[in-house]
Amino acid sequence: MKKIVTAAALVLAAVAFGAPVPAQAADFKCPTPSGLFPNPENPRGFYHCSNGYAYAKECPANLHFNPTLLVCDWPEHAGAVTPEDD
Protein backbone atom coordinates (compact mmCIF):
# COMPACT_ATOMS: atom_id res chain seq x y z
CA MET A 1 0.00 0.00 0.00
CA LYS A 2 2.87 2.34 0.82
CA LYS A 3 4.32 1.82 -2.70
CA ILE A 4 0.98 2.74 -4.29
CA VAL A 5 0.65 5.92 -2.24
CA THR A 6 4.25 6.90 -2.99
CA ALA A 7 3.84 6.19 -6.72
CA ALA A 8 0.60 8.17 -6.82
CA ALA A 9 2.25 11.11 -5.06
CA LEU A 10 5.14 11.08 -7.55
CA VAL A 11 2.76 10.98 -10.52
CA LEU A 12 0.72 13.87 -9.13
CA ALA A 13 3.87 15.91 -8.49
CA ALA A 14 5.17 15.19 -12.00
CA VAL A 15 1.86 16.18 -13.59
CA ALA A 16 1.65 19.33 -11.46
CA PHE A 17 5.10 20.44 -12.61
CA GLY A 18 4.59 19.39 -16.23
CA ALA A 19 7.22 16.64 -16.16
CA PRO A 20 6.65 13.59 -18.36
CA VAL A 21 5.73 10.42 -16.50
CA PRO A 22 7.70 7.38 -17.76
CA ALA A 23 5.74 4.28 -18.70
CA GLN A 24 6.45 1.12 -16.77
CA ALA A 25 7.79 -1.90 -18.63
CA ALA A 26 5.17 -4.60 -18.09
CA ASP A 27 7.22 -7.46 -19.56
CA PHE A 28 10.43 -7.01 -17.54
CA LYS A 29 10.93 -8.18 -13.97
CA CYS A 30 13.67 -6.37 -12.06
CA PRO A 31 16.43 -8.74 -10.87
CA THR A 32 17.04 -6.35 -7.95
CA PRO A 33 14.83 -3.50 -6.69
CA SER A 34 17.09 -0.78 -8.14
CA GLY A 35 19.59 -0.63 -10.98
CA LEU A 36 20.15 -0.50 -14.73
CA PHE A 37 19.83 -3.67 -16.81
CA PRO A 38 20.40 -4.30 -20.55
CA ASN A 39 17.52 -5.11 -22.86
CA PRO A 40 18.52 -8.43 -24.48
CA GLU A 41 16.36 -7.68 -27.54
CA ASN A 42 17.66 -4.16 -28.25
CA PRO A 43 21.32 -3.05 -27.86
CA ARG A 44 20.20 0.58 -27.53
CA GLY A 45 17.64 -0.27 -24.87
CA PHE A 46 17.92 -0.80 -21.14
CA TYR A 47 15.66 -1.04 -18.12
CA HIS A 48 15.87 1.34 -15.19
CA CYS A 49 14.52 -0.33 -12.05
CA SER A 50 13.47 1.86 -9.16
CA ASN A 51 11.89 0.41 -6.03
CA GLY A 52 11.07 -2.77 -7.95
CA TYR A 53 9.37 -0.96 -10.86
CA ALA A 54 10.93 -1.32 -14.32
CA TYR A 55 11.01 1.53 -16.84
CA ALA A 56 12.08 0.87 -20.44
CA LYS A 57 14.56 3.44 -21.74
CA GLU A 58 16.67 3.85 -24.85
CA CYS A 59 20.05 5.40 -25.54
CA PRO A 60 20.08 8.42 -27.87
CA ALA A 61 21.42 8.62 -31.42
CA ASN A 62 23.76 5.77 -32.36
CA LEU A 63 24.73 4.82 -28.82
CA HIS A 64 24.29 1.40 -27.22
CA PHE A 65 23.85 0.48 -23.58
CA ASN A 66 27.14 -0.62 -22.01
CA PRO A 67 26.26 -3.28 -19.40
CA THR A 68 29.72 -3.06 -17.79
CA LEU A 69 29.76 0.69 -17.20
CA LEU A 70 25.94 1.05 -17.04
CA VAL A 71 25.96 4.02 -19.45
CA CYS A 72 25.11 4.74 -23.08
CA ASP A 73 28.32 4.32 -25.05
CA TRP A 74 29.67 3.98 -28.59
CA PRO A 75 28.72 0.54 -29.99
CA GLU A 76 32.33 -0.63 -30.23
CA HIS A 77 32.84 0.14 -26.52
CA ALA A 78 29.50 -1.29 -25.43
CA GLY A 79 30.28 -4.77 -26.73
CA ALA A 80 28.13 -4.58 -29.86
CA VAL A 81 28.94 -6.84 -32.78
CA THR A 82 30.07 -4.82 -35.77
CA PRO A 83 29.94 -6.00 -39.41
CA GLU A 84 33.72 -6.56 -39.34
CA ASP A 85 33.26 -9.04 -36.43
CA ASP A 86 30.89 -11.31 -38.38
PDB file of N, CA and C in Angstrom:
ATOM      1  N   MET A   1       0.824  -1.187   0.000  1.00  0.00           N
ATOM      2  CA  MET A   1       0.000   0.000   0.000  1.00  0.00           C
ATOM      3  C   MET A   1       0.873   1.258   0.000  1.00  0.00           C
ATOM      4  N   LYS A   2       1.977   1.191   0.749  1.00  0.00           N
ATOM      5  CA  LYS A   2       2.872   2.344   0.820  1.00  0.00           C
ATOM      6  C   LYS A   2       3.459   2.669  -0.553  1.00  0.00           C
ATOM      7  N   LYS A   3       3.785   1.608  -1.355  1.00  0.00           N
ATOM      8  CA  LYS A   3       4.318   1.824  -2.704  1.00  0.00           C
ATOM      9  C   LYS A   3       3.299   2.527  -3.587  1.00  0.00           C
ATOM     10  N   ILE A   4       2.039   2.142  -3.461  1.00  0.00           N
ATOM     11  CA  ILE A   4       0.983   2.742  -4.291  1.00  0.00           C
ATOM     12  C   ILE A   4       0.824   4.214  -3.952  1.00  0.00           C
ATOM     13  N   VAL A   5       0.796   4.524  -2.664  1.00  0.00           N
ATOM     14  CA  VAL A   5       0.649   5.916  -2.235  1.00  0.00           C
ATOM     15  C   VAL A   5       1.845   6.742  -2.702  1.00  0.00           C
ATOM     16  N   THR A   6       3.041   6.187  -2.553  1.00  0.00           N
ATOM     17  CA  THR A   6       4.250   6.896  -2.989  1.00  0.00           C
ATOM     18  C   THR A   6       4.243   7.107  -4.495  1.00  0.00           C
ATOM     19  N   ALA A   7       3.896   6.071  -5.256  1.00  0.00           N
ATOM     20  CA  ALA A   7       3.843   6.190  -6.717  1.00  0.00           C
ATOM     21  C   ALA A   7       2.808   7.222  -7.129  1.00  0.00           C
ATOM     22  N   ALA A   8       1.652   7.203  -6.495  1.00  0.00           N
ATOM     23  CA  ALA A   8       0.597   8.167  -6.822  1.00  0.00           C
ATOM     24  C   ALA A   8       1.056   9.590  -6.527  1.00  0.00           C
ATOM     25  N   ALA A   9       1.747   9.780  -5.417  1.00  0.00           N
ATOM     26  CA  ALA A   9       2.249  11.115  -5.064  1.00  0.00           C
ATOM     27  C   ALA A   9       3.268  11.601  -6.086  1.00  0.00           C
ATOM     28  N   LEU A  10       4.143  10.701  -6.536  1.00  0.00           N
ATOM     29  CA  LEU A  10       5.135  11.080  -7.545  1.00  0.00           C
ATOM     30  C   LEU A  10       4.480  11.441  -8.869  1.00  0.00           C
ATOM     31  N   VAL A  11       3.474  10.689  -9.270  1.00  0.00           N
ATOM     32  CA  VAL A  11       2.760  10.983 -10.516  1.00  0.00           C
ATOM     33  C   VAL A  11       2.068  12.328 -10.416  1.00  0.00           C
ATOM     34  N   LEU A  12       1.396  12.582  -9.305  1.00  0.00           N
ATOM     35  CA  LEU A  12       0.722  13.871  -9.134  1.00  0.00           C
ATOM     36  C   LEU A  12       1.709  15.027  -9.144  1.00  0.00           C
ATOM     37  N   ALA A  13       2.847  14.855  -8.492  1.00  0.00           N
ATOM     38  CA  ALA A  13       3.866  15.907  -8.490  1.00  0.00           C
ATOM     39  C   ALA A  13       4.411  16.137  -9.889  1.00  0.00           C
ATOM     40  N   ALA A  14       4.647  15.057 -10.639  1.00  0.00           N
ATOM     41  CA  ALA A  14       5.166  15.189 -11.999  1.00  0.00           C
ATOM     42  C   ALA A  14       4.168  15.896 -12.896  1.00  0.00           C
ATOM     43  N   VAL A  15       2.898  15.540 -12.774  1.00  0.00           N
ATOM     44  CA  VAL A  15       1.864  16.176 -13.588  1.00  0.00           C
ATOM     45  C   VAL A  15       1.733  17.642 -13.214  1.00  0.00           C
ATOM     46  N   ALA A  16       1.782  17.942 -11.919  1.00  0.00           N
ATOM     47  CA  ALA A  16       1.647  19.326 -11.460  1.00  0.00           C
ATOM     48  C   ALA A  16       2.764  20.211 -11.992  1.00  0.00           C
ATOM     49  N   PHE A  17       3.964  19.663 -12.130  1.00  0.00           N
ATOM     50  CA  PHE A  17       5.097  20.442 -12.614  1.00  0.00           C
ATOM     51  C   PHE A  17       5.340  20.271 -14.110  1.00  0.00           C
ATOM     52  N   GLY A  18       4.475  19.540 -14.792  1.00  0.00           N
ATOM     53  CA  GLY A  18       4.586  19.386 -16.233  1.00  0.00           C
ATOM     54  C   GLY A  18       5.647  18.410 -16.689  1.00  0.00           C
ATOM     55  N   ALA A  19       6.186  17.601 -15.788  1.00  0.00           N
ATOM     56  CA  ALA A  19       7.216  16.637 -16.158  1.00  0.00           C
ATOM     57  C   ALA A  19       6.569  15.394 -16.773  1.00  0.00           C
ATOM     58  N   PRO A  20       7.212  14.810 -17.780  1.00  0.00           N
ATOM     59  CA  PRO A  20       6.655  13.587 -18.357  1.00  0.00           C
ATOM     60  C   PRO A  20       6.752  12.433 -17.365  1.00  0.00           C
ATOM     61  N   VAL A  21       5.754  11.577 -17.380  1.00  0.00           N
ATOM     62  CA  VAL A  21       5.727  10.415 -16.500  1.00  0.00           C
ATOM     63  C   VAL A  21       6.147   9.203 -17.325  1.00  0.00           C
ATOM     64  N   PRO A  22       7.253   8.524 -16.964  1.00  0.00           N
ATOM     65  CA  PRO A  22       7.698   7.379 -17.756  1.00  0.00           C
ATOM     66  C   PRO A  22       6.745   6.199 -17.625  1.00  0.00           C
ATOM     67  N   ALA A  23       6.601   5.460 -18.702  1.00  0.00           N
ATOM     68  CA  ALA A  23       5.741   4.282 -18.697  1.00  0.00           C
ATOM     69  C   ALA A  23       6.513   3.101 -18.117  1.00  0.00           C
ATOM     70  N   GLN A  24       5.812   2.303 -17.334  1.00  0.00           N
ATOM     71  CA  GLN A  24       6.446   1.120 -16.769  1.00  0.00           C
ATOM     72  C   GLN A  24       6.544   0.032 -17.824  1.00  0.00           C
ATOM     73  N   ALA A  25       7.592  -0.771 -17.733  1.00  0.00           N
ATOM     74  CA  ALA A  25       7.795  -1.904 -18.633  1.00  0.00           C
ATOM     75  C   ALA A  25       7.090  -3.113 -18.028  1.00  0.00           C
ATOM     76  N   ALA A  26       5.988  -3.518 -18.632  1.00  0.00           N
ATOM     77  CA  ALA A  26       5.172  -4.603 -18.085  1.00  0.00           C
ATOM     78  C   ALA A  26       5.816  -5.969 -18.255  1.00  0.00           C
ATOM     79  N   ASP A  27       6.669  -6.139 -19.254  1.00  0.00           N
ATOM     80  CA  ASP A  27       7.215  -7.461 -19.563  1.00  0.00           C
ATOM     81  C   ASP A  27       8.581  -7.735 -18.936  1.00  0.00           C
ATOM     82  N   PHE A  28       9.112  -6.820 -18.148  1.00  0.00           N
ATOM     83  CA  PHE A  28      10.431  -7.006 -17.541  1.00  0.00           C
ATOM     84  C   PHE A  28      10.300  -7.054 -16.030  1.00  0.00           C
ATOM     85  N   LYS A  29      10.912  -8.056 -15.426  1.00  0.00           N
ATOM     86  CA  LYS A  29      10.935  -8.184 -13.967  1.00  0.00           C
ATOM     87  C   LYS A  29      12.326  -7.799 -13.475  1.00  0.00           C
ATOM     88  N   CYS A  30      12.394  -6.855 -12.584  1.00  0.00           N
ATOM     89  CA  CYS A  30      13.667  -6.372 -12.062  1.00  0.00           C
ATOM     90  C   CYS A  30      14.383  -7.467 -11.280  1.00  0.00           C
ATOM     91  N   PRO A  31      15.654  -7.748 -11.624  1.00  0.00           N
ATOM     92  CA  PRO A  31      16.425  -8.739 -10.865  1.00  0.00           C
ATOM     93  C   PRO A  31      16.725  -8.270  -9.438  1.00  0.00           C
ATOM     94  N   THR A  32      16.867  -6.968  -9.267  1.00  0.00           N
ATOM     95  CA  THR A  32      17.037  -6.354  -7.950  1.00  0.00           C
ATOM     96  C   THR A  32      16.127  -5.127  -7.917  1.00  0.00           C
ATOM     97  N   PRO A  33      15.771  -4.625  -6.749  1.00  0.00           N
ATOM     98  CA  PRO A  33      14.826  -3.496  -6.689  1.00  0.00           C
ATOM     99  C   PRO A  33      15.283  -2.243  -7.430  1.00  0.00           C
ATOM    100  N   SER A  34      16.585  -1.991  -7.471  1.00  0.00           N
ATOM    101  CA  SER A  34      17.091  -0.784  -8.138  1.00  0.00           C
ATOM    102  C   SER A  34      18.301  -1.129  -8.993  1.00  0.00           C
ATOM    103  N   GLY A  35      18.427  -0.431 -10.119  1.00  0.00           N
ATOM    104  CA  GLY A  35      19.587  -0.631 -10.977  1.00  0.00           C
ATOM    105  C   GLY A  35      19.256  -0.460 -12.444  1.00  0.00           C
ATOM    106  N   LEU A  36      20.276  -0.586 -13.277  1.00  0.00           N
ATOM    107  CA  LEU A  36      20.150  -0.502 -14.727  1.00  0.00           C
ATOM    108  C   LEU A  36      20.496  -1.864 -15.309  1.00  0.00           C
ATOM    109  N   PHE A  37      19.666  -2.332 -16.260  1.00  0.00           N
ATOM    110  CA  PHE A  37      19.834  -3.668 -16.813  1.00  0.00           C
ATOM    111  C   PHE A  37      19.649  -3.627 -18.324  1.00  0.00           C
ATOM    112  N   PRO A  38      20.504  -4.323 -19.082  1.00  0.00           N
ATOM    113  CA  PRO A  38      20.402  -4.303 -20.551  1.00  0.00           C
ATOM    114  C   PRO A  38      19.121  -4.963 -21.040  1.00  0.00           C
ATOM    115  N   ASN A  39      18.645  -4.486 -22.180  1.00  0.00           N
ATOM    116  CA  ASN A  39      17.516  -5.107 -22.863  1.00  0.00           C
ATOM    117  C   ASN A  39      18.111  -6.122 -23.835  1.00  0.00           C
ATOM    118  N   PRO A  40      17.885  -7.424 -23.622  1.00  0.00           N
ATOM    119  CA  PRO A  40      18.517  -8.430 -24.483  1.00  0.00           C
ATOM    120  C   PRO A  40      18.031  -8.396 -25.929  1.00  0.00           C
ATOM    121  N   GLU A  41      16.917  -7.737 -26.185  1.00  0.00           N
ATOM    122  CA  GLU A  41      16.357  -7.678 -27.538  1.00  0.00           C
ATOM    123  C   GLU A  41      16.748  -6.415 -28.297  1.00  0.00           C
ATOM    124  N   ASN A  42      17.363  -5.443 -27.623  1.00  0.00           N
ATOM    125  CA  ASN A  42      17.664  -4.160 -28.248  1.00  0.00           C
ATOM    126  C   ASN A  42      18.960  -3.609 -27.649  1.00  0.00           C
ATOM    127  N   PRO A  43      20.051  -3.537 -28.422  1.00  0.00           N
ATOM    128  CA  PRO A  43      21.318  -3.054 -27.855  1.00  0.00           C
ATOM    129  C   PRO A  43      21.269  -1.596 -27.407  1.00  0.00           C
ATOM    130  N   ARG A  44      20.342  -0.826 -27.957  1.00  0.00           N
ATOM    131  CA  ARG A  44      20.204   0.576 -27.535  1.00  0.00           C
ATOM    132  C   ARG A  44      19.349   0.698 -26.279  1.00  0.00           C
ATOM    133  N   GLY A  45      18.586  -0.341 -25.973  1.00  0.00           N
ATOM    134  CA  GLY A  45      17.642  -0.270 -24.873  1.00  0.00           C
ATOM    135  C   GLY A  45      18.183  -0.804 -23.562  1.00  0.00           C
ATOM    136  N   PHE A  46      17.588  -0.312 -22.479  1.00  0.00           N
ATOM    137  CA  PHE A  46      17.919  -0.803 -21.145  1.00  0.00           C
ATOM    138  C   PHE A  46      16.714  -0.557 -20.239  1.00  0.00           C
ATOM    139  N   TYR A  47      16.727  -1.207 -19.107  1.00  0.00           N
ATOM    140  CA  TYR A  47      15.663  -1.041 -18.115  1.00  0.00           C
ATOM    141  C   TYR A  47      16.231  -0.355 -16.891  1.00  0.00           C
ATOM    142  N   HIS A  48      15.511   0.622 -16.409  1.00  0.00           N
ATOM    143  CA  HIS A  48      15.868   1.339 -15.193  1.00  0.00           C
ATOM    144  C   HIS A  48      14.885   0.880 -14.119  1.00  0.00           C
ATOM    145  N   CYS A  49      15.375   0.149 -13.132  1.00  0.00           N
ATOM    146  CA  CYS A  49      14.524  -0.332 -12.053  1.00  0.00           C
ATOM    147  C   CYS A  49      14.657   0.607 -10.863  1.00  0.00           C
ATOM    148  N   SER A  50      13.515   0.984 -10.326  1.00  0.00           N
ATOM    149  CA  SER A  50      13.473   1.859  -9.165  1.00  0.00           C
ATOM    150  C   SER A  50      12.400   1.340  -8.222  1.00  0.00           C
ATOM    151  N   ASN A  51      12.811   0.960  -7.034  1.00  0.00           N
ATOM    152  CA  ASN A  51      11.891   0.409  -6.033  1.00  0.00           C
ATOM    153  C   ASN A  51      11.087  -0.772  -6.571  1.00  0.00           C
ATOM    154  N   GLY A  52      11.716  -1.584  -7.410  1.00  0.00           N
ATOM    155  CA  GLY A  52      11.065  -2.770  -7.951  1.00  0.00           C
ATOM    156  C   GLY A  52      10.231  -2.528  -9.194  1.00  0.00           C
ATOM    157  N   TYR A  53      10.119  -1.289  -9.647  1.00  0.00           N
ATOM    158  CA  TYR A  53       9.366  -0.959 -10.858  1.00  0.00           C
ATOM    159  C   TYR A  53      10.342  -0.763 -12.019  1.00  0.00           C
ATOM    160  N   ALA A  54      10.044  -1.392 -13.157  1.00  0.00           N
ATOM    161  CA  ALA A  54      10.926  -1.316 -14.324  1.00  0.00           C
ATOM    162  C   ALA A  54      10.411  -0.278 -15.314  1.00  0.00           C
ATOM    163  N   TYR A  55      11.326   0.525 -15.830  1.00  0.00           N
ATOM    164  CA  TYR A  55      11.012   1.531 -16.841  1.00  0.00           C
ATOM    165  C   TYR A  55      11.918   1.286 -18.043  1.00  0.00           C
ATOM    166  N   ALA A  56      11.321   1.097 -19.211  1.00  0.00           N
ATOM    167  CA  ALA A  56      12.085   0.872 -20.438  1.00  0.00           C
ATOM    168  C   ALA A  56      12.630   2.208 -20.922  1.00  0.00           C
ATOM    169  N   LYS A  57      13.913   2.228 -21.232  1.00  0.00           N
ATOM    170  CA  LYS A  57      14.563   3.443 -21.737  1.00  0.00           C
ATOM    171  C   LYS A  57      15.442   3.070 -22.914  1.00  0.00           C
ATOM    172  N   GLU A  58      15.849   4.088 -23.680  1.00  0.00           N
ATOM    173  CA  GLU A  58      16.671   3.852 -24.852  1.00  0.00           C
ATOM    174  C   GLU A  58      17.758   4.914 -24.953  1.00  0.00           C
ATOM    175  N   CYS A  59      18.930   4.473 -25.348  1.00  0.00           N
ATOM    176  CA  CYS A  59      20.047   5.400 -25.538  1.00  0.00           C
ATOM    177  C   CYS A  59      19.787   6.287 -26.760  1.00  0.00           C
ATOM    178  N   PRO A  60      20.280   7.518 -26.741  1.00  0.00           N
ATOM    179  CA  PRO A  60      20.079   8.420 -27.870  1.00  0.00           C
ATOM    180  C   PRO A  60      20.992   8.101 -29.052  1.00  0.00           C
ATOM    181  N   ALA A  61      20.629   8.667 -30.183  1.00  0.00           N
ATOM    182  CA  ALA A  61      21.424   8.616 -31.421  1.00  0.00           C
ATOM    183  C   ALA A  61      21.906   7.208 -31.741  1.00  0.00           C
ATOM    184  N   ASN A  62      23.186   7.069 -31.986  1.00  0.00           N
ATOM    185  CA  ASN A  62      23.760   5.774 -32.364  1.00  0.00           C
ATOM    186  C   ASN A  62      24.465   5.092 -31.205  1.00  0.00           C
ATOM    187  N   LEU A  63      24.078   5.402 -29.987  1.00  0.00           N
ATOM    188  CA  LEU A  63      24.727   4.822 -28.820  1.00  0.00           C
ATOM    189  C   LEU A  63      24.040   3.531 -28.399  1.00  0.00           C
ATOM    190  N   HIS A  64      24.803   2.660 -27.749  1.00  0.00           N
ATOM    191  CA  HIS A  64      24.293   1.396 -27.220  1.00  0.00           C
ATOM    192  C   HIS A  64      24.493   1.397 -25.708  1.00  0.00           C
ATOM    193  N   PHE A  65      23.692   0.590 -25.028  1.00  0.00           N
ATOM    194  CA  PHE A  65      23.853   0.479 -23.582  1.00  0.00           C
ATOM    195  C   PHE A  65      25.057  -0.399 -23.261  1.00  0.00           C
ATOM    196  N   ASN A  66      25.946   0.119 -22.436  1.00  0.00           N
ATOM    197  CA  ASN A  66      27.138  -0.616 -22.015  1.00  0.00           C
ATOM    198  C   ASN A  66      26.822  -1.274 -20.671  1.00  0.00           C
ATOM    199  N   PRO A  67      26.636  -2.607 -20.645  1.00  0.00           N
ATOM    200  CA  PRO A  67      26.257  -3.278 -19.402  1.00  0.00           C
ATOM    201  C   PRO A  67      27.365  -3.326 -18.348  1.00  0.00           C
ATOM    202  N   THR A  68      28.607  -3.076 -18.749  1.00  0.00           N
ATOM    203  CA  THR A  68      29.716  -3.064 -17.788  1.00  0.00           C
ATOM    204  C   THR A  68      29.774  -1.737 -17.046  1.00  0.00           C
ATOM    205  N   LEU A  69      29.683  -0.644 -17.795  1.00  0.00           N
ATOM    206  CA  LEU A  69      29.762   0.692 -17.203  1.00  0.00           C
ATOM    207  C   LEU A  69      28.403   1.257 -16.808  1.00  0.00           C
ATOM    208  N   LEU A  70      27.320   0.620 -17.303  1.00  0.00           N
ATOM    209  CA  LEU A  70      25.938   1.055 -17.042  1.00  0.00           C
ATOM    210  C   LEU A  70      25.672   2.467 -17.567  1.00  0.00           C
ATOM    211  N   VAL A  71      26.162   2.728 -18.788  1.00  0.00           N
ATOM    212  CA  VAL A  71      25.961   4.016 -19.455  1.00  0.00           C
ATOM    213  C   VAL A  71      25.701   3.773 -20.943  1.00  0.00           C
ATOM    214  N   CYS A  72      25.207   4.789 -21.623  1.00  0.00           N
ATOM    215  CA  CYS A  72      25.110   4.741 -23.080  1.00  0.00           C
ATOM    216  C   CYS A  72      26.503   5.051 -23.626  1.00  0.00           C
ATOM    217  N   ASP A  73      26.932   4.257 -24.606  1.00  0.00           N
ATOM    218  CA  ASP A  73      28.322   4.315 -25.053  1.00  0.00           C
ATOM    219  C   ASP A  73      28.359   4.044 -26.558  1.00  0.00           C
ATOM    220  N   TRP A  74      29.498   4.314 -27.184  1.00  0.00           N
ATOM    221  CA  TRP A  74      29.670   3.975 -28.592  1.00  0.00           C
ATOM    222  C   TRP A  74      29.542   2.459 -28.743  1.00  0.00           C
ATOM    223  N   PRO A  75      28.937   1.983 -29.821  1.00  0.00           N
ATOM    224  CA  PRO A  75      28.718   0.539 -29.986  1.00  0.00           C
ATOM    225  C   PRO A  75      29.974  -0.301 -29.816  1.00  0.00           C
ATOM    226  N   GLU A  76      31.100   0.168 -30.333  1.00  0.00           N
ATOM    227  CA  GLU A  76      32.327  -0.627 -30.229  1.00  0.00           C
ATOM    228  C   GLU A  76      32.833  -0.739 -28.786  1.00  0.00           C
ATOM    229  N   HIS A  77      32.449   0.197 -27.930  1.00  0.00           N
ATOM    230  CA  HIS A  77      32.843   0.143 -26.520  1.00  0.00           C
ATOM    231  C   HIS A  77      31.809  -0.574 -25.660  1.00  0.00           C
ATOM    232  N   ALA A  78      30.577  -0.664 -26.183  1.00  0.00           N
ATOM    233  CA  ALA A  78      29.497  -1.289 -25.427  1.00  0.00           C
ATOM    234  C   ALA A  78      29.421  -2.789 -25.623  1.00  0.00           C
ATOM    235  N   GLY A  79      30.274  -3.326 -26.493  1.00  0.00           N
ATOM    236  CA  GLY A  79      30.277  -4.766 -26.725  1.00  0.00           C
ATOM    237  C   GLY A  79      29.385  -5.192 -27.876  1.00  0.00           C
ATOM    238  N   ALA A  80      28.987  -4.244 -28.716  1.00  0.00           N
ATOM    239  CA  ALA A  80      28.132  -4.576 -29.859  1.00  0.00           C
ATOM    240  C   ALA A  80      28.947  -5.280 -30.929  1.00  0.00           C
ATOM    241  N   VAL A  81      28.304  -6.163 -31.662  1.00  0.00           N
ATOM    242  CA  VAL A  81      28.944  -6.843 -32.780  1.00  0.00           C
ATOM    243  C   VAL A  81      28.874  -5.927 -33.984  1.00  0.00           C
ATOM    244  N   THR A  82      30.019  -5.663 -34.590  1.00  0.00           N
ATOM    245  CA  THR A  82      30.074  -4.818 -35.767  1.00  0.00           C
ATOM    246  C   THR A  82      30.174  -5.706 -37.015  1.00  0.00           C
ATOM    247  N   PRO A  83      29.871  -5.181 -38.197  1.00  0.00           N
ATOM    248  CA  PRO A  83      29.939  -6.005 -39.411  1.00  0.00           C
ATOM    249  C   PRO A  83      31.316  -6.657 -39.612  1.00  0.00           C
ATOM    250  N   GLU A  84      32.394  -5.995 -39.168  1.00  0.00           N
ATOM    251  CA  GLU A  84      33.723  -6.563 -39.336  1.00  0.00           C
ATOM    252  C   GLU A  84      33.911  -7.801 -38.450  1.00  0.00           C
ATOM    253  N   ASP A  85      33.141  -7.908 -37.354  1.00  0.00           N
ATOM    254  CA  ASP A  85      33.258  -9.036 -36.433  1.00  0.00           C
ATOM    255  C   ASP A  85      32.562 -10.288 -36.938  1.00  0.00           C
ATOM    256  N   ASP A  86      31.671 -10.156 -37.885  1.00  0.00           N
ATOM    257  CA  ASP A  86      30.891 -11.312 -38.377  1.00  0.00           C
ATOM    258  C   ASP A  86      31.718 -12.270 -39.193  1.00  0.00           C
TER     259      ASP A  86
END
